[in-house]
């Protein structure tokens, strides 16, 4: 059951991140790590692995959507 819980947490964080980026928000790794109660390294991995196919980019330590 722990796996399902982790999967739901990851899915929730990824959809929240994409939604906010789509709304025009500029997001920092630190802010997201605090919001989702996880490490900055985990959030960075999410951007590098799970969100790499989306039109997002980093500018001045903030992530944005093209």
N, C-alpha and C. Protein backbone atom coordinates (compact mmCIF):
# COMPACT_ATOMS: atom_id res chain seq x y z
N UNK A 1 0.81 -1.20 0.00
CA UNK A 1 0.00 0.00 0.00
C UNK A 1 0.85 1.27 0.00
N UNK A 2 2.05 1.18 0.54
CA UNK A 2 2.94 2.35 0.58
C UNK A 2 3.26 2.81 -0.84
N UNK A 3 3.43 1.87 -1.75
CA UNK A 3 3.74 2.21 -3.13
C UNK A 3 2.64 3.06 -3.74
N UNK A 4 1.37 2.65 -3.53
CA UNK A 4 0.25 3.41 -4.09
C UNK A 4 0.22 4.82 -3.52
N UNK A 5 0.47 4.94 -2.22
CA UNK A 5 0.49 6.26 -1.59
C UNK A 5 1.58 7.13 -2.22
N UNK A 6 2.78 6.58 -2.41
CA UNK A 6 3.87 7.34 -3.02
C UNK A 6 3.52 7.73 -4.45
N UNK A 7 2.89 6.83 -5.17
CA UNK A 7 2.49 7.12 -6.54
C UNK A 7 1.50 8.27 -6.57
N UNK A 8 0.54 8.26 -5.68
CA UNK A 8 -0.45 9.35 -5.63
C UNK A 8 0.20 10.67 -5.27
N UNK A 9 1.17 10.65 -4.37
CA UNK A 9 1.87 11.87 -3.97
C UNK A 9 2.66 12.45 -5.15
N UNK A 10 3.34 11.58 -5.87
CA UNK A 10 4.11 12.02 -7.04
C UNK A 10 3.18 12.58 -8.11
N UNK A 11 2.11 11.86 -8.39
CA UNK A 11 1.16 12.31 -9.41
C UNK A 11 0.55 13.66 -9.03
N UNK A 12 0.19 13.83 -7.78
CA UNK A 12 -0.37 15.09 -7.31
C UNK A 12 0.63 16.23 -7.47
N UNK A 13 1.87 15.99 -7.07
CA UNK A 13 2.86 17.06 -7.18
C UNK A 13 3.14 17.42 -8.63
N UNK A 14 3.25 16.42 -9.49
CA UNK A 14 3.53 16.70 -10.91
C UNK A 14 2.38 17.45 -11.58
N UNK A 15 1.16 17.07 -11.30
CA UNK A 15 0.02 17.76 -11.91
C UNK A 15 -0.11 19.18 -11.36
N UNK A 16 0.19 19.37 -10.08
CA UNK A 16 0.15 20.72 -9.51
C UNK A 16 1.22 21.60 -10.15
N UNK A 17 2.41 21.06 -10.29
CA UNK A 17 3.51 21.81 -10.92
C UNK A 17 3.13 22.20 -12.34
N UNK A 18 2.66 21.24 -13.13
CA UNK A 18 2.29 21.53 -14.52
C UNK A 18 1.16 22.55 -14.61
N UNK A 19 0.18 22.43 -13.74
CA UNK A 19 -0.93 23.36 -13.73
C UNK A 19 -0.46 24.79 -13.44
N UNK A 20 0.39 24.91 -12.43
CA UNK A 20 0.90 26.24 -12.07
C UNK A 20 1.78 26.82 -13.17
N UNK A 21 2.61 26.00 -13.79
CA UNK A 21 3.44 26.47 -14.90
C UNK A 21 2.56 26.91 -16.06
N UNK A 22 1.52 26.14 -16.35
CA UNK A 22 0.60 26.46 -17.43
C UNK A 22 -0.14 27.78 -17.16
N UNK A 23 -0.36 28.08 -15.88
CA UNK A 23 -1.01 29.35 -15.49
C UNK A 23 -0.06 30.53 -15.55
N UNK A 24 1.21 30.28 -15.88
CA UNK A 24 2.18 31.36 -16.01
C UNK A 24 3.05 31.60 -14.79
N UNK A 25 2.92 30.76 -13.78
CA UNK A 25 3.74 30.92 -12.58
C UNK A 25 5.19 30.55 -12.87
N UNK A 26 6.11 31.23 -12.18
CA UNK A 26 7.53 30.88 -12.20
C UNK A 26 7.81 30.21 -10.87
N UNK A 27 8.29 28.98 -10.90
CA UNK A 27 8.43 28.18 -9.69
C UNK A 27 9.88 27.89 -9.34
N UNK A 28 10.20 27.99 -8.06
CA UNK A 28 11.55 27.66 -7.61
C UNK A 28 11.54 26.26 -7.00
N UNK A 29 12.67 25.61 -7.11
CA UNK A 29 12.84 24.27 -6.53
C UNK A 29 12.61 24.33 -5.02
N UNK A 30 13.17 25.33 -4.37
CA UNK A 30 13.05 25.46 -2.92
C UNK A 30 11.59 25.61 -2.50
N UNK A 31 10.85 26.47 -3.19
CA UNK A 31 9.43 26.68 -2.89
C UNK A 31 8.64 25.38 -3.03
N UNK A 32 8.88 24.67 -4.11
CA UNK A 32 8.15 23.42 -4.35
C UNK A 32 8.51 22.34 -3.34
N UNK A 33 9.79 22.27 -2.96
CA UNK A 33 10.21 21.29 -1.97
C UNK A 33 9.50 21.54 -0.64
N UNK A 34 9.38 22.80 -0.27
CA UNK A 34 8.68 23.14 0.98
C UNK A 34 7.19 22.82 0.86
N UNK A 35 6.59 23.17 -0.27
CA UNK A 35 5.16 22.93 -0.47
C UNK A 35 4.81 21.45 -0.39
N UNK A 36 5.64 20.61 -1.01
CA UNK A 36 5.35 19.18 -1.07
C UNK A 36 6.07 18.38 0.02
N UNK A 37 6.73 19.09 0.94
CA UNK A 37 7.41 18.46 2.06
C UNK A 37 8.36 17.36 1.60
N UNK A 38 9.24 17.74 0.68
CA UNK A 38 10.22 16.81 0.14
C UNK A 38 11.53 17.55 -0.06
N UNK A 39 12.54 16.87 -0.55
CA UNK A 39 13.85 17.51 -0.74
C UNK A 39 13.91 18.26 -2.07
N UNK A 40 14.80 19.23 -2.12
CA UNK A 40 15.03 19.96 -3.37
C UNK A 40 15.53 19.00 -4.45
N UNK A 41 16.31 18.01 -4.03
CA UNK A 41 16.84 17.03 -4.98
C UNK A 41 15.71 16.24 -5.64
N UNK A 42 14.67 15.89 -4.88
CA UNK A 42 13.53 15.17 -5.44
C UNK A 42 12.80 16.03 -6.47
N UNK A 43 12.59 17.29 -6.15
CA UNK A 43 11.91 18.20 -7.09
C UNK A 43 12.76 18.37 -8.35
N UNK A 44 14.07 18.53 -8.19
CA UNK A 44 14.95 18.67 -9.35
C UNK A 44 14.87 17.43 -10.22
N UNK A 45 14.82 16.25 -9.60
CA UNK A 45 14.68 15.00 -10.34
C UNK A 45 13.36 14.96 -11.10
N UNK A 46 12.30 15.45 -10.47
CA UNK A 46 11.00 15.51 -11.15
C UNK A 46 11.10 16.33 -12.43
N UNK A 47 11.75 17.48 -12.35
CA UNK A 47 11.91 18.31 -13.55
C UNK A 47 12.77 17.62 -14.60
N UNK A 48 13.87 17.03 -14.17
CA UNK A 48 14.81 16.41 -15.12
C UNK A 48 14.31 15.11 -15.74
N UNK A 49 13.51 14.35 -14.99
CA UNK A 49 13.07 13.04 -15.49
C UNK A 49 11.61 13.02 -15.90
N UNK A 50 10.73 13.43 -15.03
CA UNK A 50 9.29 13.29 -15.27
C UNK A 50 8.70 14.41 -16.13
N UNK A 51 9.28 15.59 -16.06
CA UNK A 51 8.71 16.73 -16.79
C UNK A 51 9.55 17.15 -17.99
N UNK A 52 10.56 16.38 -18.32
CA UNK A 52 11.49 16.73 -19.40
C UNK A 52 10.82 16.85 -20.77
N UNK A 53 9.72 16.16 -20.99
CA UNK A 53 9.05 16.19 -22.29
C UNK A 53 8.17 17.43 -22.49
N UNK A 54 7.99 18.20 -21.42
CA UNK A 54 7.14 19.39 -21.52
C UNK A 54 7.97 20.61 -21.89
N UNK A 55 7.34 21.62 -22.51
CA UNK A 55 8.07 22.83 -22.93
C UNK A 55 8.35 23.76 -21.75
N UNK A 56 9.23 23.31 -20.86
CA UNK A 56 9.58 24.12 -19.69
C UNK A 56 11.06 24.43 -19.74
N UNK A 57 11.44 25.50 -19.07
CA UNK A 57 12.83 25.92 -19.03
C UNK A 57 13.11 26.62 -17.71
N UNK A 58 14.39 26.73 -17.38
CA UNK A 58 14.79 27.37 -16.14
C UNK A 58 15.44 28.70 -16.47
N UNK A 59 15.03 29.73 -15.74
CA UNK A 59 15.58 31.07 -15.91
C UNK A 59 15.72 31.71 -14.54
N UNK A 60 16.93 32.09 -14.19
CA UNK A 60 17.20 32.73 -12.90
C UNK A 60 16.63 31.92 -11.73
N UNK A 61 16.95 30.64 -11.70
CA UNK A 61 16.55 29.71 -10.63
C UNK A 61 15.04 29.51 -10.51
N UNK A 62 14.29 29.88 -11.53
CA UNK A 62 12.85 29.66 -11.56
C UNK A 62 12.51 28.87 -12.82
N UNK A 63 11.56 27.95 -12.67
CA UNK A 63 11.09 27.17 -13.82
C UNK A 63 9.86 27.83 -14.40
N UNK A 64 9.80 27.86 -15.73
CA UNK A 64 8.68 28.47 -16.45
C UNK A 64 8.28 27.59 -17.62
N UNK A 65 7.08 27.83 -18.12
CA UNK A 65 6.62 27.11 -19.31
C UNK A 65 6.68 28.06 -20.50
N UNK A 66 7.14 27.53 -21.63
CA UNK A 66 7.24 28.35 -22.85
C UNK A 66 5.88 28.73 -23.37
